[in-house]
Amino acid sequence: MQNAIQLVDDWYQLSRDLSQRIVQFSRAHRYSLGRDLECCARGLQADLIRIQYTPRGPLKLQNLQRVNVEIEILRYLIRLAHDMQQLSIMRFSNQPCAGGSKIMRY
């Protein structure tokens, strides 16, 4: 359970940092790509909290598989933001989380 709590806290930090960087996007990308990034990150935060309280079993496994797909979608959105020169990936990939681990590598 402690690892799950740490993951939720680390994901919160990533979501917060991402939201702060989206504000710096150009106007053309802030309200489209930026909104998609923010919604995806916040939705994943909520899903991780729900999974934390789901008992072991097929439902938890199904939810974890769905979250894994959503993380892949977020990864591609971050990659798109990087390719459009709106986001520096290095700021995320080199930043350790509270637990010393890194959430995302490019």
C-alpha atoms as a PDB file:
ATOM      1  CA  MET A   1       0.000   0.000   0.000  1.00  0.00           C
ATOM      2  CA  GLN A   2       2.897   2.363   0.716  1.00  0.00           C
ATOM      3  CA  ASN A   3       4.145   2.052  -2.876  1.00  0.00           C
ATOM      4  CA  ALA A   4       0.658   2.887  -4.164  1.00  0.00           C
ATOM      5  CA  ILE A   5       0.507   5.999  -1.984  1.00  0.00           C
ATOM      6  CA  GLN A   6       3.966   7.054  -3.191  1.00  0.00           C
ATOM      7  CA  LEU A   7       2.879   6.589  -6.809  1.00  0.00           C
ATOM      8  CA  VAL A   8      -0.183   8.792  -6.263  1.00  0.00           C
ATOM      9  CA  ASP A   9       1.999  11.480  -4.640  1.00  0.00           C
ATOM     10  CA  ASP A  10       4.571  11.295  -7.440  1.00  0.00           C
ATOM     11  CA  TRP A  11       1.841  11.487 -10.055  1.00  0.00           C
ATOM     12  CA  TYR A  12       0.448  14.572  -8.312  1.00  0.00           C
ATOM     13  CA  GLN A  13       3.868  16.235  -8.579  1.00  0.00           C
ATOM     14  CA  LEU A  14       4.091  15.360 -12.268  1.00  0.00           C
ATOM     15  CA  SER A  15       0.577  16.717 -12.898  1.00  0.00           C
ATOM     16  CA  ARG A  16       1.384  19.926 -11.034  1.00  0.00           C
ATOM     17  CA  ASP A  17       4.644  20.449 -12.938  1.00  0.00           C
ATOM     18  CA  LEU A  18       2.934  19.717 -16.235  1.00  0.00           C
ATOM     19  CA  SER A  19       0.158  22.234 -15.477  1.00  0.00           C
ATOM     20  CA  GLN A  20       2.744  24.903 -14.670  1.00  0.00           C
ATOM     21  CA  ARG A  21       4.513  24.306 -17.974  1.00  0.00           C
ATOM     22  CA  ILE A  22       1.295  24.297 -20.016  1.00  0.00           C
ATOM     23  CA  VAL A  23       0.721  27.921 -18.992  1.00  0.00           C
ATOM     24  CA  GLN A  24       3.867  28.750 -20.971  1.00  0.00           C
ATOM     25  CA  PHE A  25       2.593  27.113 -24.189  1.00  0.00           C
ATOM     26  CA  SER A  26       1.867  29.415 -27.098  1.00  0.00           C
ATOM     27  CA  ARG A  27      -1.757  30.479 -27.409  1.00  0.00           C
ATOM     28  CA  ALA A  28      -2.214  28.246 -30.452  1.00  0.00           C
ATOM     29  CA  HIS A  29      -1.367  25.131 -28.410  1.00  0.00           C
ATOM     30  CA  ARG A  30      -2.386  26.037 -24.860  1.00  0.00           C
ATOM     31  CA  TYR A  31      -6.118  25.512 -25.354  1.00  0.00           C
ATOM     32  CA  SER A  32      -5.911  22.378 -27.480  1.00  0.00           C
ATOM     33  CA  LEU A  33      -2.828  20.290 -26.799  1.00  0.00           C
ATOM     34  CA  GLY A  34      -2.367  21.829 -23.357  1.00  0.00           C
ATOM     35  CA  ARG A  35      -5.948  21.058 -22.385  1.00  0.00           C
ATOM     36  CA  ASP A  36      -5.612  17.466 -23.598  1.00  0.00           C
ATOM     37  CA  LEU A  37      -2.413  17.018 -21.576  1.00  0.00           C
ATOM     38  CA  GLU A  38      -3.946  18.470 -18.439  1.00  0.00           C
ATOM     39  CA  CYS A  39      -7.163  16.446 -18.702  1.00  0.00           C
ATOM     40  CA  CYS A  40      -5.247  13.225 -19.314  1.00  0.00           C
ATOM     41  CA  ALA A  41      -2.894  13.807 -16.361  1.00  0.00           C
ATOM     42  CA  ARG A  42      -5.739  14.706 -13.995  1.00  0.00           C
ATOM     43  CA  GLY A  43      -7.838  11.774 -15.153  1.00  0.00           C
ATOM     44  CA  LEU A  44      -4.932   9.443 -14.486  1.00  0.00           C
ATOM     45  CA  GLN A  45      -4.545  10.942 -11.012  1.00  0.00           C
ATOM     46  CA  ALA A  46      -8.173  10.144 -10.246  1.00  0.00           C
ATOM     47  CA  ASP A  47      -7.836   6.632 -11.700  1.00  0.00           C
ATOM     48  CA  LEU A  48      -4.755   5.913  -9.601  1.00  0.00           C
ATOM     49  CA  ILE A  49      -6.598   6.979  -6.454  1.00  0.00           C
ATOM     50  CA  ARG A  50      -9.562   4.749  -7.356  1.00  0.00           C
ATOM     51  CA  ILE A  51      -7.271   1.785  -8.028  1.00  0.00           C
ATOM     52  CA  GLN A  52      -5.595   2.314  -4.674  1.00  0.00           C
ATOM     53  CA  TYR A  53      -8.905   1.535  -2.952  1.00  0.00           C
ATOM     54  CA  THR A  54      -9.995  -1.288  -5.256  1.00  0.00           C
ATOM     55  CA  PRO A  55      -9.581  -4.761  -3.726  1.00  0.00           C
ATOM     56  CA  ARG A  56      -7.356  -7.266  -5.514  1.00  0.00           C
ATOM     57  CA  GLY A  57      -9.053  -9.194  -8.243  1.00  0.00           C
ATOM     58  CA  PRO A  58     -10.104  -9.014 -11.883  1.00  0.00           C
ATOM     59  CA  LEU A  59     -11.587  -5.512 -11.556  1.00  0.00           C
ATOM     60  CA  LYS A  60      -8.313  -4.091 -10.234  1.00  0.00           C
ATOM     61  CA  LEU A  61      -6.360  -5.787 -13.027  1.00  0.00           C
ATOM     62  CA  GLN A  62      -8.771  -4.420 -15.628  1.00  0.00           C
ATOM     63  CA  ASN A  63      -8.435  -0.889 -14.202  1.00  0.00           C
ATOM     64  CA  LEU A  64      -4.631  -1.159 -14.145  1.00  0.00           C
ATOM     65  CA  GLN A  65      -4.621  -2.217 -17.798  1.00  0.00           C
ATOM     66  CA  ARG A  66      -6.815   0.756 -18.699  1.00  0.00           C
ATOM     67  CA  VAL A  67      -4.523   3.127 -16.789  1.00  0.00           C
ATOM     68  CA  ASN A  68      -1.524   1.675 -18.597  1.00  0.00           C
ATOM     69  CA  VAL A  69      -3.124   2.593 -21.935  1.00  0.00           C
ATOM     70  CA  GLU A  70      -3.890   6.106 -20.655  1.00  0.00           C
ATOM     71  CA  ILE A  71      -0.258   6.531 -19.583  1.00  0.00           C
ATOM     72  CA  GLU A  72       0.811   5.620 -23.116  1.00  0.00           C
ATOM     73  CA  ILE A  73      -1.595   8.224 -24.499  1.00  0.00           C
ATOM     74  CA  LEU A  74      -0.154  10.844 -22.143  1.00  0.00           C
ATOM     75  CA  ARG A  75       3.353   9.855 -23.179  1.00  0.00           C
ATOM     76  CA  TYR A  76       2.487  10.481 -26.828  1.00  0.00           C
ATOM     77  CA  LEU A  77       0.848  13.814 -25.989  1.00  0.00           C
ATOM     78  CA  ILE A  78       4.023  14.869 -24.172  1.00  0.00           C
ATOM     79  CA  ARG A  79       6.057  13.730 -27.155  1.00  0.00           C
ATOM     80  CA  LEU A  80       3.829  15.763 -29.478  1.00  0.00           C
ATOM     81  CA  ALA A  81       4.240  18.842 -27.257  1.00  0.00           C
ATOM     82  CA  HIS A  82       7.990  18.314 -27.372  1.00  0.00           C
ATOM     83  CA  ASP A  83       8.007  17.908 -31.168  1.00  0.00           C
ATOM     84  CA  MET A  84       5.994  21.130 -31.482  1.00  0.00           C
ATOM     85  CA  GLN A  85       8.618  22.848 -29.296  1.00  0.00           C
ATOM     86  CA  GLN A  86       6.144  23.578 -26.521  1.00  0.00           C
ATOM     87  CA  LEU A  87       7.666  21.362 -23.831  1.00  0.00           C
ATOM     88  CA  SER A  88      11.172  20.325 -22.870  1.00  0.00           C
ATOM     89  CA  ILE A  89      11.242  16.599 -22.132  1.00  0.00           C
ATOM     90  CA  MET A  90      14.532  16.901 -20.266  1.00  0.00           C
ATOM     91  CA  ARG A  91      12.762  18.795 -17.500  1.00  0.00           C
ATOM     92  CA  PHE A  92      10.656  15.694 -16.817  1.00  0.00           C
ATOM     93  CA  SER A  93      13.065  12.849 -17.510  1.00  0.00           C
ATOM     94  CA  ASN A  94      15.814  14.105 -15.206  1.00  0.00           C
ATOM     95  CA  GLN A  95      13.615  15.093 -12.292  1.00  0.00           C
ATOM     96  CA  PRO A  96      13.427  12.510  -9.514  1.00  0.00           C
ATOM     97  CA  CYS A  97      10.172  12.147  -7.628  1.00  0.00           C
ATOM     98  CA  ALA A  98       9.718  12.277  -3.885  1.00  0.00           C
ATOM     99  CA  GLY A  99      10.506   8.573  -3.530  1.00  0.00           C
ATOM    100  CA  GLY A 100      13.719   8.915  -5.511  1.00  0.00           C
ATOM    101  CA  SER A 101      12.286   7.118  -8.526  1.00  0.00           C
ATOM    102  CA  LYS A 102      11.520   8.643 -11.893  1.00  0.00           C
ATOM    103  CA  ILE A 103       7.951   8.413 -13.148  1.00  0.00           C
ATOM    104  CA  MET A 104       8.536   8.873 -16.813  1.00  0.00           C
ATOM    105  CA  ARG A 105      11.448   8.508 -19.168  1.00  0.00           C
ATOM    106  CA  TYR A 106      11.304   9.574 -22.780  1.00  0.00           C
END
